[in-house]
Amino acid sequence: MAELKPGIYEHYKRKKYEVIGIARHSETLEEMIVYRALYDSKEFGKNAMWVRPKKMFLETVVVNGREVPRFRYVGKENK
């Protein structure tokens, strides 16, 4: 499976997120990506935290007939 660089990623819907790290699901031991939104959401608040299976985080999706990464690495962490 592909490795994951720490830093900022852009979701295919154009919102940006910061990868915090990799965790494991306590029951299945599946690798999960821990990341936070770099925007304010009316529904979830500012800098909402999320987890997603690593396999899903790194997969591609089809948008307008083109296969693109679900999340695309765009640079180093915000500091």
PDB file of N, CA and C in Angstrom:
ATOM      1  N   MET A   1       0.847  -1.187   0.000  1.00  0.00           N
ATOM      2  CA  MET A   1       0.000   0.000   0.000  1.00  0.00           C
ATOM      3  C   MET A   1       0.887   1.243   0.000  1.00  0.00           C
ATOM      4  N   ALA A   2       0.420   2.282  -0.650  1.00  0.00           N
ATOM      5  CA  ALA A   2       1.184   3.535  -0.749  1.00  0.00           C
ATOM      6  C   ALA A   2       1.418   4.139   0.636  1.00  0.00           C
ATOM      7  N   GLU A   3       2.542   4.812   0.752  1.00  0.00           N
ATOM      8  CA  GLU A   3       2.861   5.512   1.994  1.00  0.00           C
ATOM      9  C   GLU A   3       2.169   6.861   2.002  1.00  0.00           C
ATOM     10  N   LEU A   4       2.040   7.427   3.181  1.00  0.00           N
ATOM     11  CA  LEU A   4       1.347   8.693   3.350  1.00  0.00           C
ATOM     12  C   LEU A   4       2.306   9.733   3.905  1.00  0.00           C
ATOM     13  N   LYS A   5       2.471  10.841   3.185  1.00  0.00           N
ATOM     14  CA  LYS A   5       3.308  11.937   3.665  1.00  0.00           C
ATOM     15  C   LYS A   5       2.500  12.788   4.635  1.00  0.00           C
ATOM     16  N   PRO A   6       3.122  13.241   5.730  1.00  0.00           N
ATOM     17  CA  PRO A   6       2.417  14.196   6.592  1.00  0.00           C
ATOM     18  C   PRO A   6       2.296  15.524   5.852  1.00  0.00           C
ATOM     19  N   GLY A   7       1.277  16.288   6.164  1.00  0.00           N
ATOM     20  CA  GLY A   7       1.124  17.603   5.554  1.00  0.00           C
ATOM     21  C   GLY A   7      -0.296  17.908   5.146  1.00  0.00           C
ATOM     22  N   ILE A   8      -0.423  18.796   4.171  1.00  0.00           N
ATOM     23  CA  ILE A   8      -1.720  19.292   3.732  1.00  0.00           C
ATOM     24  C   ILE A   8      -2.160  18.540   2.476  1.00  0.00           C
ATOM     25  N   TYR A   9      -3.428  18.160   2.468  1.00  0.00           N
ATOM     26  CA  TYR A   9      -4.033  17.458   1.347  1.00  0.00           C
ATOM     27  C   TYR A   9      -5.278  18.204   0.895  1.00  0.00           C
ATOM     28  N   GLU A  10      -5.518  18.149  -0.406  1.00  0.00           N
ATOM     29  CA  GLU A  10      -6.742  18.719  -0.948  1.00  0.00           C
ATOM     30  C   GLU A  10      -7.653  17.585  -1.373  1.00  0.00           C
ATOM     31  N   HIS A  11      -8.880  17.615  -0.871  1.00  0.00           N
ATOM     32  CA  HIS A  11      -9.904  16.641  -1.251  1.00  0.00           C
ATOM     33  C   HIS A  11     -10.344  16.948  -2.682  1.00  0.00           C
ATOM     34  N   TYR A  12     -10.825  15.964  -3.392  1.00  0.00           N
ATOM     35  CA  TYR A  12     -11.217  16.198  -4.784  1.00  0.00           C
ATOM     36  C   TYR A  12     -12.341  17.227  -4.906  1.00  0.00           C
ATOM     37  N   LYS A  13     -13.049  17.505  -3.808  1.00  0.00           N
ATOM     38  CA  LYS A  13     -14.094  18.545  -3.822  1.00  0.00           C
ATOM     39  C   LYS A  13     -13.520  19.913  -3.463  1.00  0.00           C
ATOM     40  N   ARG A  14     -12.170  19.995  -3.342  1.00  0.00           N
ATOM     41  CA  ARG A  14     -11.401  21.237  -3.202  1.00  0.00           C
ATOM     42  C   ARG A  14     -11.199  21.754  -1.774  1.00  0.00           C
ATOM     43  N   LYS A  15     -11.723  21.102  -0.760  1.00  0.00           N
ATOM     44  CA  LYS A  15     -11.459  21.536   0.624  1.00  0.00           C
ATOM     45  C   LYS A  15     -10.107  20.987   1.047  1.00  0.00           C
ATOM     46  N   LYS A  16      -9.434  21.710   1.959  1.00  0.00           N
ATOM     47  CA  LYS A  16      -8.102  21.297   2.407  1.00  0.00           C
ATOM     48  C   LYS A  16      -8.145  20.739   3.826  1.00  0.00           C
ATOM     49  N   TYR A  17      -7.226  19.779   4.048  1.00  0.00           N
ATOM     50  CA  TYR A  17      -7.142  19.068   5.326  1.00  0.00           C
ATOM     51  C   TYR A  17      -5.680  18.879   5.705  1.00  0.00           C
ATOM     52  N   GLU A  18      -5.430  18.788   6.999  1.00  0.00           N
ATOM     53  CA  GLU A  18      -4.088  18.485   7.486  1.00  0.00           C
ATOM     54  C   GLU A  18      -4.081  17.087   8.090  1.00  0.00           C
ATOM     55  N   VAL A  19      -3.205  16.235   7.569  1.00  0.00           N
ATOM     56  CA  VAL A  19      -3.063  14.881   8.124  1.00  0.00           C
ATOM     57  C   VAL A  19      -2.317  14.992   9.445  1.00  0.00           C
ATOM     58  N   ILE A  20      -2.932  14.469  10.508  1.00  0.00           N
ATOM     59  CA  ILE A  20      -2.356  14.484  11.851  1.00  0.00           C
ATOM     60  C   ILE A  20      -1.494  13.246  12.074  1.00  0.00           C
ATOM     61  N   GLY A  21      -1.983  12.109  11.597  1.00  0.00           N
ATOM     62  CA  GLY A  21      -1.222  10.873  11.781  1.00  0.00           C
ATOM     63  C   GLY A  21      -2.012   9.657  11.363  1.00  0.00           C
ATOM     64  N   ILE A  22      -1.447   8.502  11.665  1.00  0.00           N
ATOM     65  CA  ILE A  22      -2.088   7.219  11.370  1.00  0.00           C
ATOM     66  C   ILE A  22      -2.391   6.535  12.689  1.00  0.00           C
ATOM     67  N   ALA A  23      -3.619   6.044  12.816  1.00  0.00           N
ATOM     68  CA  ALA A  23      -4.050   5.308  14.010  1.00  0.00           C
ATOM     69  C   ALA A  23      -4.515   3.923  13.560  1.00  0.00           C
ATOM     70  N   ARG A  24      -4.806   3.069  14.518  1.00  0.00           N
ATOM     71  CA  ARG A  24      -5.335   1.734  14.197  1.00  0.00           C
ATOM     72  C   ARG A  24      -6.703   1.566  14.852  1.00  0.00           C
ATOM     73  N   HIS A  25      -7.601   0.945  14.121  1.00  0.00           N
ATOM     74  CA  HIS A  25      -8.914   0.615  14.666  1.00  0.00           C
ATOM     75  C   HIS A  25      -8.706  -0.400  15.783  1.00  0.00           C
ATOM     76  N   SER A  26      -9.340  -0.182  16.916  1.00  0.00           N
ATOM     77  CA  SER A  26      -9.084  -1.026  18.093  1.00  0.00           C
ATOM     78  C   SER A  26      -9.551  -2.481  17.939  1.00  0.00           C
ATOM     79  N   GLU A  27     -10.501  -2.738  17.082  1.00  0.00           N
ATOM     80  CA  GLU A  27     -11.006  -4.103  16.915  1.00  0.00           C
ATOM     81  C   GLU A  27     -10.380  -4.813  15.706  1.00  0.00           C
ATOM     82  N   THR A  28     -10.241  -4.104  14.599  1.00  0.00           N
ATOM     83  CA  THR A  28      -9.793  -4.744  13.359  1.00  0.00           C
ATOM     84  C   THR A  28      -8.312  -4.511  13.070  1.00  0.00           C
ATOM     85  N   LEU A  29      -7.700  -3.563  13.756  1.00  0.00           N
ATOM     86  CA  LEU A  29      -6.320  -3.130  13.557  1.00  0.00           C
ATOM     87  C   LEU A  29      -6.093  -2.469  12.189  1.00  0.00           C
ATOM     88  N   GLU A  30      -7.178  -2.141  11.485  1.00  0.00           N
ATOM     89  CA  GLU A  30      -7.063  -1.444  10.204  1.00  0.00           C
ATOM     90  C   GLU A  30      -6.438  -0.069  10.418  1.00  0.00           C
ATOM     91  N   GLU A  31      -5.532   0.317   9.516  1.00  0.00           N
ATOM     92  CA  GLU A  31      -4.922   1.633   9.613  1.00  0.00           C
ATOM     93  C   GLU A  31      -5.940   2.706   9.220  1.00  0.00           C
ATOM     94  N   MET A  32      -6.011   3.744  10.049  1.00  0.00           N
ATOM     95  CA  MET A  32      -6.935   4.851   9.836  1.00  0.00           C
ATOM     96  C   MET A  32      -6.136   6.149   9.784  1.00  0.00           C
ATOM     97  N   ILE A  33      -6.524   7.048   8.899  1.00  0.00           N
ATOM     98  CA  ILE A  33      -5.887   8.357   8.805  1.00  0.00           C
ATOM     99  C   ILE A  33      -6.659   9.321   9.698  1.00  0.00           C
ATOM    100  N   VAL A  34      -5.932  10.045  10.534  1.00  0.00           N
ATOM    101  CA  VAL A  34      -6.522  11.069  11.392  1.00  0.00           C
ATOM    102  C   VAL A  34      -6.172  12.409  10.759  1.00  0.00           C
ATOM    103  N   TYR A  35      -7.197  13.211  10.470  1.00  0.00           N
ATOM    104  CA  TYR A  35      -6.951  14.481   9.799  1.00  0.00           C
ATOM    105  C   TYR A  35      -7.952  15.530  10.252  1.00  0.00           C
ATOM    106  N   ARG A  36      -7.601  16.804  10.043  1.00  0.00           N
ATOM    107  CA  ARG A  36      -8.498  17.877  10.452  1.00  0.00           C
ATOM    108  C   ARG A  36      -8.762  18.811   9.285  1.00  0.00           C
ATOM    109  N   ALA A  37      -9.969  19.325   9.269  1.00  0.00           N
ATOM    110  CA  ALA A  37     -10.375  20.268   8.233  1.00  0.00           C
ATOM    111  C   ALA A  37      -9.657  21.594   8.448  1.00  0.00           C
ATOM    112  N   LEU A  38      -9.244  22.227   7.371  1.00  0.00           N
ATOM    113  CA  LEU A  38      -8.601  23.538   7.452  1.00  0.00           C
ATOM    114  C   LEU A  38      -9.581  24.623   7.016  1.00  0.00           C
ATOM    115  N   TYR A  39     -10.810  24.477   7.489  1.00  0.00           N
ATOM    116  CA  TYR A  39     -11.872  25.437   7.179  1.00  0.00           C
ATOM    117  C   TYR A  39     -12.930  25.371   8.271  1.00  0.00           C
ATOM    118  N   ASP A  40     -13.817  26.334   8.262  1.00  0.00           N
ATOM    119  CA  ASP A  40     -14.916  26.407   9.222  1.00  0.00           C
ATOM    120  C   ASP A  40     -16.166  25.835   8.569  1.00  0.00           C
ATOM    121  N   SER A  41     -16.806  24.885   9.244  1.00  0.00           N
ATOM    122  CA  SER A  41     -18.014  24.251   8.731  1.00  0.00           C
ATOM    123  C   SER A  41     -19.204  24.656   9.602  1.00  0.00           C
ATOM    124  N   LYS A  42     -20.302  25.042   8.992  1.00  0.00           N
ATOM    125  CA  LYS A  42     -21.517  25.371   9.753  1.00  0.00           C
ATOM    126  C   LYS A  42     -21.991  24.165  10.546  1.00  0.00           C
ATOM    127  N   GLU A  43     -21.846  22.983   9.965  1.00  0.00           N
ATOM    128  CA  GLU A  43     -22.332  21.756  10.594  1.00  0.00           C
ATOM    129  C   GLU A  43     -21.389  21.202  11.653  1.00  0.00           C
ATOM    130  N   PHE A  44     -20.061  21.253  11.417  1.00  0.00           N
ATOM    131  CA  PHE A  44     -19.105  20.582  12.286  1.00  0.00           C
ATOM    132  C   PHE A  44     -18.143  21.513  13.009  1.00  0.00           C
ATOM    133  N   GLY A  45     -18.198  22.822  12.737  1.00  0.00           N
ATOM    134  CA  GLY A  45     -17.325  23.782  13.412  1.00  0.00           C
ATOM    135  C   GLY A  45     -15.987  23.965  12.727  1.00  0.00           C
ATOM    136  N   LYS A  46     -15.131  24.720  13.389  1.00  0.00           N
ATOM    137  CA  LYS A  46     -13.809  25.044  12.851  1.00  0.00           C
ATOM    138  C   LYS A  46     -12.834  23.902  13.121  1.00  0.00           C
ATOM    139  N   ASN A  47     -12.055  23.535  12.109  1.00  0.00           N
ATOM    140  CA  ASN A  47     -11.010  22.512  12.229  1.00  0.00           C
ATOM    141  C   ASN A  47     -11.530  21.168  12.752  1.00  0.00           C
ATOM    142  N   ALA A  48     -12.674  20.726  12.248  1.00  0.00           N
ATOM    143  CA  ALA A  48     -13.253  19.444  12.667  1.00  0.00           C
ATOM    144  C   ALA A  48     -12.263  18.301  12.415  1.00  0.00           C
ATOM    145  N   MET A  49     -12.227  17.352  13.321  1.00  0.00           N
ATOM    146  CA  MET A  49     -11.345  16.183  13.213  1.00  0.00           C
ATOM    147  C   MET A  49     -12.105  15.033  12.562  1.00  0.00           C
ATOM    148  N   TRP A  50     -11.375  14.281  11.726  1.00  0.00           N
ATOM    149  CA  TRP A  50     -11.959  13.168  10.997  1.00  0.00           C
ATOM    150  C   TRP A  50     -11.020  11.968  11.009  1.00  0.00           C
ATOM    151  N   VAL A  51     -11.579  10.781  10.779  1.00  0.00           N
ATOM    152  CA  VAL A  51     -10.790   9.571  10.527  1.00  0.00           C
ATOM    153  C   VAL A  51     -11.376   8.890   9.302  1.00  0.00           C
ATOM    154  N   ARG A  52     -10.519   8.234   8.570  1.00  0.00           N
ATOM    155  CA  ARG A  52     -10.942   7.509   7.364  1.00  0.00           C
ATOM    156  C   ARG A  52      -9.963   6.356   7.191  1.00  0.00           C
ATOM    157  N   PRO A  53     -10.441   5.194   6.757  1.00  0.00           N
ATOM    158  CA  PRO A  53      -9.512   4.095   6.492  1.00  0.00           C
ATOM    159  C   PRO A  53      -8.423   4.534   5.503  1.00  0.00           C
ATOM    160  N   LYS A  54      -7.175   4.140   5.783  1.00  0.00           N
ATOM    161  CA  LYS A  54      -6.048   4.517   4.937  1.00  0.00           C
ATOM    162  C   LYS A  54      -6.287   4.116   3.489  1.00  0.00           C
ATOM    163  N   LYS A  55      -6.809   2.926   3.284  1.00  0.00           N
ATOM    164  CA  LYS A  55      -7.070   2.434   1.931  1.00  0.00           C
ATOM    165  C   LYS A  55      -8.013   3.384   1.193  1.00  0.00           C
ATOM    166  N   MET A  56      -9.039   3.857   1.862  1.00  0.00           N
ATOM    167  CA  MET A  56     -10.000   4.773   1.250  1.00  0.00           C
ATOM    168  C   MET A  56      -9.381   6.152   1.039  1.00  0.00           C
ATOM    169  N   PHE A  57      -8.587   6.629   2.002  1.00  0.00           N
ATOM    170  CA  PHE A  57      -7.938   7.937   1.897  1.00  0.00           C
ATOM    171  C   PHE A  57      -7.046   8.000   0.653  1.00  0.00           C
ATOM    172  N   LEU A  58      -6.355   6.908   0.363  1.00  0.00           N
ATOM    173  CA  LEU A  58      -5.393   6.865  -0.735  1.00  0.00           C
ATOM    174  C   LEU A  58      -5.981   6.422  -2.074  1.00  0.00           C
ATOM    175  N   GLU A  59      -7.259   6.064  -2.104  1.00  0.00           N
ATOM    176  CA  GLU A  59      -7.828   5.567  -3.351  1.00  0.00           C
ATOM    177  C   GLU A  59      -8.158   6.696  -4.326  1.00  0.00           C
ATOM    178  N   THR A  60      -8.498   6.295  -5.536  1.00  0.00           N
ATOM    179  CA  THR A  60      -8.931   7.251  -6.546  1.00  0.00           C
ATOM    180  C   THR A  60     -10.444   7.197  -6.682  1.00  0.00           C
ATOM    181  N   VAL A  61     -11.008   8.289  -7.208  1.00  0.00           N
ATOM    182  CA  VAL A  61     -12.443   8.384  -7.476  1.00  0.00           C
ATOM    183  C   VAL A  61     -12.606   8.902  -8.905  1.00  0.00           C
ATOM    184  N   VAL A  62     -13.766   8.672  -9.488  1.00  0.00           N
ATOM    185  CA  VAL A  62     -14.031   9.160 -10.840  1.00  0.00           C
ATOM    186  C   VAL A  62     -14.860  10.435 -10.733  1.00  0.00           C
ATOM    187  N   VAL A  63     -14.327  11.516 -11.301  1.00  0.00           N
ATOM    188  CA  VAL A  63     -14.991  12.818 -11.307  1.00  0.00           C
ATOM    189  C   VAL A  63     -15.052  13.297 -12.752  1.00  0.00           C
ATOM    190  N   ASN A  64     -16.264  13.535 -13.235  1.00  0.00           N
ATOM    191  CA  ASN A  64     -16.455  13.979 -14.628  1.00  0.00           C
ATOM    192  C   ASN A  64     -15.725  13.071 -15.618  1.00  0.00           C
ATOM    193  N   GLY A  65     -15.794  11.766 -15.364  1.00  0.00           N
ATOM    194  CA  GLY A  65     -15.194  10.796 -16.264  1.00  0.00           C
ATOM    195  C   GLY A  65     -13.691  10.606 -16.126  1.00  0.00           C
ATOM    196  N   ARG A  66     -13.065  11.335 -15.191  1.00  0.00           N
ATOM    197  CA  ARG A  66     -11.613  11.221 -14.975  1.00  0.00           C
ATOM    198  C   ARG A  66     -11.343  10.588 -13.629  1.00  0.00           C
ATOM    199  N   GLU A  67     -10.337   9.734 -13.573  1.00  0.00           N
ATOM    200  CA  GLU A  67      -9.923   9.140 -12.307  1.00  0.00           C
ATOM    201  C   GLU A  67      -8.924  10.090 -11.645  1.00  0.00           C
ATOM    202  N   VAL A  68      -9.242  10.499 -10.403  1.00  0.00           N
ATOM    203  CA  VAL A  68      -8.402  11.435  -9.652  1.00  0.00           C
ATOM    204  C   VAL A  68      -8.227  10.915  -8.237  1.00  0.00           C
ATOM    205  N   PRO A  69      -7.153  11.322  -7.550  1.00  0.00           N
ATOM    206  CA  PRO A  69      -7.001  10.904  -6.148  1.00  0.00           C
ATOM    207  C   PRO A  69      -8.103  11.511  -5.284  1.00  0.00           C
ATOM    208  N   ARG A  70      -8.585  10.744  -4.317  1.00  0.00           N
ATOM    209  CA  ARG A  70      -9.574  11.281  -3.366  1.00  0.00           C
ATOM    210  C   ARG A  70      -8.949  12.462  -2.613  1.00  0.00           C
ATOM    211  N   PHE A  71      -7.702  12.297  -2.174  1.00  0.00           N
ATOM    212  CA  PHE A  71      -6.940  13.357  -1.512  1.00  0.00           C
ATOM    213  C   PHE A  71      -5.614  13.500  -2.236  1.00  0.00           C
ATOM    214  N   ARG A  72      -5.237  14.726  -2.529  1.00  0.00           N
ATOM    215  CA  ARG A  72      -3.988  15.014  -3.243  1.00  0.00           C
ATOM    216  C   ARG A  72      -3.069  15.811  -2.327  1.00  0.00           C
ATOM    217  N   TYR A  73      -1.845  15.326  -2.162  1.00  0.00           N
ATOM    218  CA  TYR A  73      -0.852  16.014  -1.323  1.00  0.00           C
ATOM    219  C   TYR A  73      -0.518  17.366  -1.951  1.00  0.00           C
ATOM    220  N   VAL A  74      -0.567  18.441  -1.145  1.00  0.00           N
ATOM    221  CA  VAL A  74      -0.257  19.774  -1.682  1.00  0.00           C
ATOM    222  C   VAL A  74       0.880  20.489  -0.954  1.00  0.00           C
ATOM    223  N   GLY A  75       1.361  19.951   0.166  1.00  0.00           N
ATOM    224  CA  GLY A  75       2.495  20.588   0.822  1.00  0.00           C
ATOM    225  C   GLY A  75       2.639  20.236   2.281  1.00  0.00           C
ATOM    226  N   LYS A  76       3.599  20.935   2.878  1.00  0.00           N
ATOM    227  CA  LYS A  76       3.948  20.708   4.283  1.00  0.00           C
ATOM    228  C   LYS A  76       2.856  21.215   5.215  1.00  0.00           C
ATOM    229  N   GLU A  77       2.973  20.811   6.475  1.00  0.00           N
ATOM    230  CA  GLU A  77       2.022  21.212   7.501  1.00  0.00           C
ATOM    231  C   GLU A  77       1.980  22.715   7.708  1.00  0.00           C
ATOM    232  N   ASN A  78       0.818  23.219   8.120  1.00  0.00           N
ATOM    233  CA  ASN A  78       0.685  24.624   8.494  1.00  0.00           C
ATOM    234  C   ASN A  78       1.375  24.830   9.835  1.00  0.00           C
ATOM    235  N   LYS A  79       2.332  25.714   9.895  1.00  0.00           N
ATOM    236  CA  LYS A  79       3.036  26.008  11.166  1.00  0.00           C
ATOM    237  C   LYS A  79       3.209  27.496  11.272  1.00  0.00           C
TER     238      LYS A  79
END
